[in-house]
PDB file of N, CA and C in Angstrom:
ATOM      1  N   MET A   1       8.862   8.810   5.560  1.00  0.00           N
ATOM      2  CA  MET A   1       7.525   8.591   6.587  1.00  0.00           C
ATOM      3  C   MET A   1       7.304   6.893   6.649  1.00  0.00           C
ATOM      4  N   LYS A   2       7.436   6.483   7.635  1.00  0.00           N
ATOM      5  CA  LYS A   2       7.149   4.823   7.342  1.00  0.00           C
ATOM      6  C   LYS A   2       5.883   4.738   7.986  1.00  0.00           C
ATOM      7  N   ILE A   3       5.121   3.662   7.442  1.00  0.00           N
ATOM      8  CA  ILE A   3       3.214   3.660   7.623  1.00  0.00           C
ATOM      9  C   ILE A   3       3.306   1.867   7.484  1.00  0.00           C
ATOM     10  N   ASP A   4       2.725   1.251   8.775  1.00  0.00           N
ATOM     11  CA  ASP A   4       2.177   0.086   9.015  1.00  0.00           C
ATOM     12  C   ASP A   4       0.777  -0.295   8.323  1.00  0.00           C
ATOM     13  N   VAL A   5       1.138  -1.145   6.760  1.00  0.00           N
ATOM     14  CA  VAL A   5      -0.277  -1.462   6.315  1.00  0.00           C
ATOM     15  C   VAL A   5      -0.609  -3.148   6.304  1.00  0.00           C
ATOM     16  N   LYS A   6      -2.236  -2.869   6.158  1.00  0.00           N
ATOM     17  CA  LYS A   6      -2.695  -4.120   6.162  1.00  0.00           C
ATOM     18  C   LYS A   6      -3.495  -4.637   5.064  1.00  0.00           C
ATOM     19  N   VAL A   7      -2.680  -5.284   3.982  1.00  0.00           N
ATOM     20  CA  VAL A   7      -3.319  -5.076   2.655  1.00  0.00           C
ATOM     21  C   VAL A   7      -4.408  -6.919   3.233  1.00  0.00           C
ATOM     22  N   VAL A   8      -5.462  -5.760   1.589  1.00  0.00           N
ATOM     23  CA  VAL A   8      -6.842  -6.633   1.340  1.00  0.00           C
ATOM     24  C   VAL A   8      -7.049  -6.929   0.243  1.00  0.00           C
ATOM     25  N   PRO A   9      -6.790  -7.914  -0.009  1.00  0.00           N
ATOM     26  CA  PRO A   9      -6.534  -8.382  -2.048  1.00  0.00           C
ATOM     27  C   PRO A   9      -8.200  -8.665  -1.961  1.00  0.00           C
ATOM     28  N   ASN A  10      -8.727  -8.952  -3.399  1.00  0.00           N
ATOM     29  CA  ASN A  10      -9.842  -9.434  -3.622  1.00  0.00           C
ATOM     30  C   ASN A  10     -11.240  -8.383  -3.205  1.00  0.00           C
ATOM     31  N   ALA A  11     -10.623  -7.337  -2.920  1.00  0.00           N
ATOM     32  CA  ALA A  11     -11.968  -6.512  -1.816  1.00  0.00           C
ATOM     33  C   ALA A  11     -13.036  -5.982  -3.464  1.00  0.00           C
ATOM     34  N   LYS A  12     -14.291  -5.848  -2.842  1.00  0.00           N
ATOM     35  CA  LYS A  12     -14.805  -4.738  -3.744  1.00  0.00           C
ATOM     36  C   LYS A  12     -14.524  -3.806  -4.101  1.00  0.00           C
ATOM     37  N   LYS A  13     -14.122  -3.283  -3.441  1.00  0.00           N
ATOM     38  CA  LYS A  13     -13.808  -1.599  -3.946  1.00  0.00           C
ATOM     39  C   LYS A  13     -12.404  -1.045  -3.022  1.00  0.00           C
ATOM     40  N   GLU A  14     -11.839  -0.165  -3.855  1.00  0.00           N
ATOM     41  CA  GLU A  14     -10.262   0.217  -3.407  1.00  0.00           C
ATOM     42  C   GLU A  14     -10.084   1.884  -2.345  1.00  0.00           C
ATOM     43  N   ILE A  15     -10.360   0.848  -1.178  1.00  0.00           N
ATOM     44  CA  ILE A  15      -9.761   2.147  -0.063  1.00  0.00           C
ATOM     45  C   ILE A  15      -9.015   2.052   0.737  1.00  0.00           C
ATOM     46  N   VAL A  16      -8.891   3.264   1.391  1.00  0.00           N
ATOM     47  CA  VAL A  16      -7.252   3.655   2.381  1.00  0.00           C
ATOM     48  C   VAL A  16      -8.135   3.986   3.217  1.00  0.00           C
ATOM     49  N   LYS A  17      -7.857   3.106   4.865  1.00  0.00           N
ATOM     50  CA  LYS A  17      -8.081   3.885   5.791  1.00  0.00           C
ATOM     51  C   LYS A  17      -7.835   3.822   7.013  1.00  0.00           C
ATOM     52  N   LYS A  18      -7.320   4.513   7.784  1.00  0.00           N
ATOM     53  CA  LYS A  18      -6.168   4.524   9.261  1.00  0.00           C
ATOM     54  C   LYS A  18      -6.699   3.230  10.220  1.00  0.00           C
ATOM     55  N   GLU A  19      -6.516   2.289  10.938  1.00  0.00           N
ATOM     56  CA  GLU A  19      -7.545   1.563  12.219  1.00  0.00           C
ATOM     57  C   GLU A  19      -6.647   2.095  13.175  1.00  0.00           C
ATOM     58  N   GLY A  20      -6.549   3.031  13.766  1.00  0.00           N
ATOM     59  CA  GLY A  20      -5.409   3.227  15.048  1.00  0.00           C
ATOM     60  C   GLY A  20      -4.150   3.485  14.551  1.00  0.00           C
ATOM     61  N   GLU A  21      -3.165   2.653  14.836  1.00  0.00           N
ATOM     62  CA  GLU A  21      -1.834   2.898  14.466  1.00  0.00           C
ATOM     63  C   GLU A  21      -1.599   2.299  12.710  1.00  0.00           C
ATOM     64  N   ILE A  22      -2.616   1.335  12.844  1.00  0.00           N
ATOM     65  CA  ILE A  22      -1.987   0.425  11.243  1.00  0.00           C
ATOM     66  C   ILE A  22      -3.691   1.059  10.031  1.00  0.00           C
ATOM     67  N   TRP A  23      -2.439   1.575   8.508  1.00  0.00           N
ATOM     68  CA  TRP A  23      -2.998   1.397   7.939  1.00  0.00           C
ATOM     69  C   TRP A  23      -4.030   0.143   7.133  1.00  0.00           C
ATOM     70  N   LYS A  24      -4.964   0.144   6.689  1.00  0.00           N
ATOM     71  CA  LYS A  24      -6.101  -0.755   6.182  1.00  0.00           C
ATOM     72  C   LYS A  24      -5.891  -0.346   4.221  1.00  0.00           C
ATOM     73  N   VAL A  25      -5.149  -1.116   3.468  1.00  0.00           N
ATOM     74  CA  VAL A  25      -5.955  -0.891   2.312  1.00  0.00           C
ATOM     75  C   VAL A  25      -6.083  -1.694   1.208  1.00  0.00           C
ATOM     76  N   TYR A  26      -7.585  -1.684   0.963  1.00  0.00           N
ATOM     77  CA  TYR A  26      -8.933  -2.574   0.241  1.00  0.00           C
ATOM     78  C   TYR A  26      -8.336  -2.226  -1.296  1.00  0.00           C
ATOM     79  N   LEU A  27      -7.740  -3.613  -2.146  1.00  0.00           N
ATOM     80  CA  LEU A  27      -7.442  -3.615  -3.220  1.00  0.00           C
ATOM     81  C   LEU A  27      -8.192  -4.415  -4.061  1.00  0.00           C
ATOM     82  N   ARG A  28      -8.647  -4.010  -4.982  1.00  0.00           N
ATOM     83  CA  ARG A  28      -9.367  -5.051  -5.898  1.00  0.00           C
ATOM     84  C   ARG A  28      -8.831  -6.809  -6.364  1.00  0.00           C
ATOM     85  N   VAL A  29      -7.497  -6.142  -7.039  1.00  0.00           N
ATOM     86  CA  VAL A  29      -6.663  -7.126  -7.454  1.00  0.00           C
ATOM     87  C   VAL A  29      -6.071  -8.252  -6.590  1.00  0.00           C
ATOM     88  N   PRO A  30      -5.957  -9.512  -6.946  1.00  0.00           N
ATOM     89  CA  PRO A  30      -5.594 -10.571  -6.541  1.00  0.00           C
ATOM     90  C   PRO A  30      -3.744 -10.761  -6.153  1.00  0.00           C
ATOM     91  N   PRO A  31      -3.194 -11.397  -5.243  1.00  0.00           N
ATOM     92  CA  PRO A  31      -1.954 -11.498  -4.668  1.00  0.00           C
ATOM     93  C   PRO A  31      -1.191 -12.165  -5.080  1.00  0.00           C
ATOM     94  N   ILE A  32      -1.060 -11.683  -6.909  1.00  0.00           N
ATOM     95  CA  ILE A  32      -0.437 -13.401  -7.691  1.00  0.00           C
ATOM     96  C   ILE A  32       0.686 -12.314  -8.528  1.00  0.00           C
ATOM     97  N   GLU A  33       1.824 -12.789  -8.522  1.00  0.00           N
ATOM     98  CA  GLU A  33       2.663 -11.782  -9.033  1.00  0.00           C
ATOM     99  C   GLU A  33       2.859 -10.500  -8.955  1.00  0.00           C
ATOM    100  N   GLY A  34       2.761 -10.493  -7.991  1.00  0.00           N
ATOM    101  CA  GLY A  34       3.366  -8.668  -8.063  1.00  0.00           C
ATOM    102  C   GLY A  34       1.831  -7.826  -7.950  1.00  0.00           C
ATOM    103  N   LYS A  35       0.764  -8.037  -8.426  1.00  0.00           N
ATOM    104  CA  LYS A  35       0.032  -7.612  -8.991  1.00  0.00           C
ATOM    105  C   LYS A  35      -0.657  -6.284  -7.735  1.00  0.00           C
ATOM    106  N   ALA A  36      -0.914  -7.126  -6.538  1.00  0.00           N
ATOM    107  CA  ALA A  36      -0.914  -6.105  -5.478  1.00  0.00           C
ATOM    108  C   ALA A  36      -0.265  -5.073  -4.876  1.00  0.00           C
ATOM    109  N   ASN A  37       0.935  -5.670  -4.747  1.00  0.00           N
ATOM    110  CA  ASN A  37       1.805  -4.778  -4.598  1.00  0.00           C
ATOM    111  C   ASN A  37       1.658  -3.400  -5.414  1.00  0.00           C
ATOM    112  N   LYS A  38       1.774  -4.107  -6.771  1.00  0.00           N
ATOM    113  CA  LYS A  38       1.525  -2.560  -7.697  1.00  0.00           C
ATOM    114  C   LYS A  38       0.976  -1.898  -7.495  1.00  0.00           C
ATOM    115  N   ALA A  39      -0.902  -1.976  -7.138  1.00  0.00           N
ATOM    116  CA  ALA A  39      -1.726  -1.459  -7.043  1.00  0.00           C
ATOM    117  C   ALA A  39      -1.910  -0.682  -5.712  1.00  0.00           C
ATOM    118  N   LEU A  40      -1.476  -1.701  -4.935  1.00  0.00           N
ATOM    119  CA  LEU A  40      -1.156  -0.912  -3.186  1.00  0.00           C
ATOM    120  C   LEU A  40      -0.076   0.607  -3.417  1.00  0.00           C
ATOM    121  N   ILE A  41       1.188   0.269  -4.638  1.00  0.00           N
ATOM    122  CA  ILE A  41       1.847   1.585  -4.457  1.00  0.00           C
ATOM    123  C   ILE A  41       1.172   2.702  -5.542  1.00  0.00           C
ATOM    124  N   GLY A  42       0.539   2.197  -6.362  1.00  0.00           N
ATOM    125  CA  GLY A  42       0.031   3.103  -7.206  1.00  0.00           C
ATOM    126  C   GLY A  42      -1.265   4.171  -5.814  1.00  0.00           C
ATOM    127  N   LEU A  43      -2.181   3.018  -5.391  1.00  0.00           N
ATOM    128  CA  LEU A  43      -3.540   3.450  -4.612  1.00  0.00           C
ATOM    129  C   LEU A  43      -2.609   4.815  -3.467  1.00  0.00           C
ATOM    130  N   LEU A  44      -1.514   3.996  -2.837  1.00  0.00           N
ATOM    131  CA  LEU A  44      -1.238   4.737  -2.121  1.00  0.00           C
ATOM    132  C   LEU A  44      -0.392   6.081  -2.180  1.00  0.00           C
ATOM    133  N   ALA A  45      -0.061   5.860  -4.023  1.00  0.00           N
ATOM    134  CA  ALA A  45       0.424   7.558  -4.501  1.00  0.00           C
ATOM    135  C   ALA A  45      -0.344   8.165  -4.704  1.00  0.00           C
ATOM    136  N   ASP A  46      -1.730   7.927  -4.794  1.00  0.00           N
ATOM    137  CA  ASP A  46      -2.736   8.495  -4.898  1.00  0.00           C
ATOM    138  C   ASP A  46      -4.065   9.537  -3.640  1.00  0.00           C
ATOM    139  N   HIS A  47      -3.367   8.539  -2.876  1.00  0.00           N
ATOM    140  CA  HIS A  47      -4.062   9.003  -1.195  1.00  0.00           C
ATOM    141  C   HIS A  47      -3.105   9.771  -0.575  1.00  0.00           C
ATOM    142  N   PHE A  48      -1.753   9.417  -0.825  1.00  0.00           N
ATOM    143  CA  PHE A  48      -0.548  10.598  -0.112  1.00  0.00           C
ATOM    144  C   PHE A  48      -0.513  11.784  -1.321  1.00  0.00           C
ATOM    145  N   ASN A  49      -0.873  11.974  -2.436  1.00  0.00           N
ATOM    146  CA  ASN A  49      -0.979  12.965  -3.357  1.00  0.00           C
ATOM    147  C   ASN A  49       0.883  12.960  -3.543  1.00  0.00           C
ATOM    148  N   VAL A  50       1.496  11.738  -4.011  1.00  0.00           N
ATOM    149  CA  VAL A  50       3.382  11.788  -4.161  1.00  0.00           C
ATOM    150  C   VAL A  50       3.483  10.789  -5.157  1.00  0.00           C
ATOM    151  N   ARG A  51       3.900  10.784  -5.918  1.00  0.00           N
ATOM    152  CA  ARG A  51       4.417  10.464  -7.135  1.00  0.00           C
ATOM    153  C   ARG A  51       4.997   8.624  -6.416  1.00  0.00           C
ATOM    154  N   LYS A  52       4.250   7.733  -7.386  1.00  0.00           N
ATOM    155  CA  LYS A  52       4.988   6.390  -7.491  1.00  0.00           C
ATOM    156  C   LYS A  52       5.912   5.963  -7.034  1.00  0.00           C
ATOM    157  N   SER A  53       7.095   6.546  -7.820  1.00  0.00           N
ATOM    158  CA  SER A  53       8.551   6.382  -6.966  1.00  0.00           C
ATOM    159  C   SER A  53       8.857   6.808  -5.821  1.00  0.00           C
ATOM    160  N   GLN A  54       8.059   7.405  -5.021  1.00  0.00           N
ATOM    161  CA  GLN A  54       8.475   7.842  -3.763  1.00  0.00           C
ATOM    162  C   GLN A  54       8.058   6.626  -2.547  1.00  0.00           C
ATOM    163  N   ILE A  55       7.359   5.914  -2.943  1.00  0.00           N
ATOM    164  CA  ILE A  55       6.729   4.791  -2.104  1.00  0.00           C
ATOM    165  C   ILE A  55       7.752   3.394  -2.394  1.00  0.00           C
ATOM    166  N   GLU A  56       7.882   3.275  -1.400  1.00  0.00           N
ATOM    167  CA  GLU A  56       8.781   1.800  -1.462  1.00  0.00           C
ATOM    168  C   GLU A  56       8.424   0.845  -0.130  1.00  0.00           C
ATOM    169  N   ILE A  57       7.892  -0.294  -0.709  1.00  0.00           N
ATOM    170  CA  ILE A  57       7.681  -1.473   0.298  1.00  0.00           C
ATOM    171  C   ILE A  57       8.941  -1.927   1.321  1.00  0.00           C
ATOM    172  N   THR A  58       9.641  -1.405   2.562  1.00  0.00           N
ATOM    173  CA  THR A  58      11.044  -2.228   2.664  1.00  0.00           C
ATOM    174  C   THR A  58       9.973  -3.223   3.775  1.00  0.00           C
ATOM    175  N   LYS A  59       9.533  -3.787   4.099  1.00  0.00           N
ATOM    176  CA  LYS A  59       9.018  -5.159   4.831  1.00  0.00           C
ATOM    177  C   LYS A  59       8.293  -5.521   4.305  1.00  0.00           C
ATOM    178  N   GLY A  60       7.820  -7.368   4.128  1.00  0.00           N
ATOM    179  CA  GLY A  60       6.442  -7.508   4.152  1.00  0.00           C
ATOM    180  C   GLY A  60       6.404  -8.169   2.717  1.00  0.00           C
ATOM    181  N   LEU A  61       7.171  -8.013   1.543  1.00  0.00           N
ATOM    182  CA  LEU A  61       6.877  -7.949   0.103  1.00  0.00           C
ATOM    183  C   LEU A  61       5.761  -8.955  -0.023  1.00  0.00           C
ATOM    184  N   GLN A  62       6.568  -9.874   0.544  1.00  0.00           N
ATOM    185  CA  GLN A  62       5.167 -11.816   0.195  1.00  0.00           C
ATOM    186  C   GLN A  62       4.265 -11.736   1.756  1.00  0.00           C
ATOM    187  N   SER A  63       4.429 -10.695   2.077  1.00  0.00           N
ATOM    188  CA  SER A  63       2.760 -10.524   3.174  1.00  0.00           C
ATOM    189  C   SER A  63       1.619  -9.829   3.153  1.00  0.00           C
ATOM    190  N   ARG A  64       0.558  -9.943   3.273  1.00  0.00           N
ATOM    191  CA  ARG A  64      -0.507  -8.751   3.875  1.00  0.00           C
ATOM    192  C   ARG A  64       0.078  -7.773   4.527  1.00  0.00           C
ATOM    193  N   ASN A  65       0.792  -8.031   6.013  1.00  0.00           N
ATOM    194  CA  ASN A  65       1.519  -7.176   6.240  1.00  0.00           C
ATOM    195  C   ASN A  65       2.309  -5.916   5.875  1.00  0.00           C
ATOM    196  N   LYS A  66       2.539  -5.284   6.308  1.00  0.00           N
ATOM    197  CA  LYS A  66       3.869  -4.605   4.807  1.00  0.00           C
ATOM    198  C   LYS A  66       4.167  -3.126   5.840  1.00  0.00           C
ATOM    199  N   THR A  67       5.361  -2.705   5.551  1.00  0.00           N
ATOM    200  CA  THR A  67       5.939  -1.406   6.122  1.00  0.00           C
ATOM    201  C   THR A  67       6.031  -0.922   4.663  1.00  0.00           C
ATOM    202  N   ILE A  68       5.515   0.500   5.015  1.00  0.00           N
ATOM    203  CA  ILE A  68       5.530   1.468   3.266  1.00  0.00           C
ATOM    204  C   ILE A  68       6.662   2.666   3.964  1.00  0.00           C
ATOM    205  N   THR A  69       7.103   2.927   3.105  1.00  0.00           N
ATOM    206  CA  THR A  69       8.584   3.868   2.933  1.00  0.00           C
ATOM    207  C   THR A  69       7.726   5.249   2.012  1.00  0.00           C
ATOM    208  N   ILE A  70       7.466   6.069   2.567  1.00  0.00           N
ATOM    209  CA  ILE A  70       7.360   7.696   1.957  1.00  0.00           C
ATOM    210  C   ILE A  70       8.178   8.052   1.695  1.00  0.00           C
ATOM    211  N   TYR A  71       8.513   8.762   0.427  1.00  0.00           N
ATOM    212  CA  TYR A  71       9.650   9.701   0.611  1.00  0.00           C
ATOM    213  C   TYR A  71       8.961  10.888  -0.120  1.00  0.00           C
ATOM    214  N   ASP A  72       9.144  11.957   0.892  1.00  0.00           N
ATOM    215  CA  ASP A  72       8.683  13.405   0.536  1.00  0.00           C
ATOM    216  C   ASP A  72       9.734  14.103  -0.481  1.00  0.00           C
ATOM    217  N   ASN A  73      10.907  14.003  -0.170  1.00  0.00           N
ATOM    218  CA  ASN A  73      11.562  15.000  -1.466  1.00  0.00           C
ATOM    219  C   ASN A  73      12.524  13.534  -2.190  1.00  0.00           C
ATOM    220  N   PHE A  74      12.155  13.930  -3.300  1.00  0.00           N
ATOM    221  CA  PHE A  74      12.472  12.724  -4.672  1.00  0.00           C
ATOM    222  C   PHE A  74      13.238  13.310  -5.257  1.00  0.00           C
TER     223      PHE A  74
END
């Protein structure tokens, strides 16, 4: 499954919500040295009830707008 995500770093709460076709993910961590990407993968793994290894950032590694691939069977 592929989803489009907009990341909001330095938020007060960590929230995952869907707004139309795009998922908006609020993270507490800053976008420094990949910390936000690691937190994003962890939060999405919890939200979709999959392992972290089943989630891959396929587009937008250094952008707030990302495409995420979630693999069902790994």
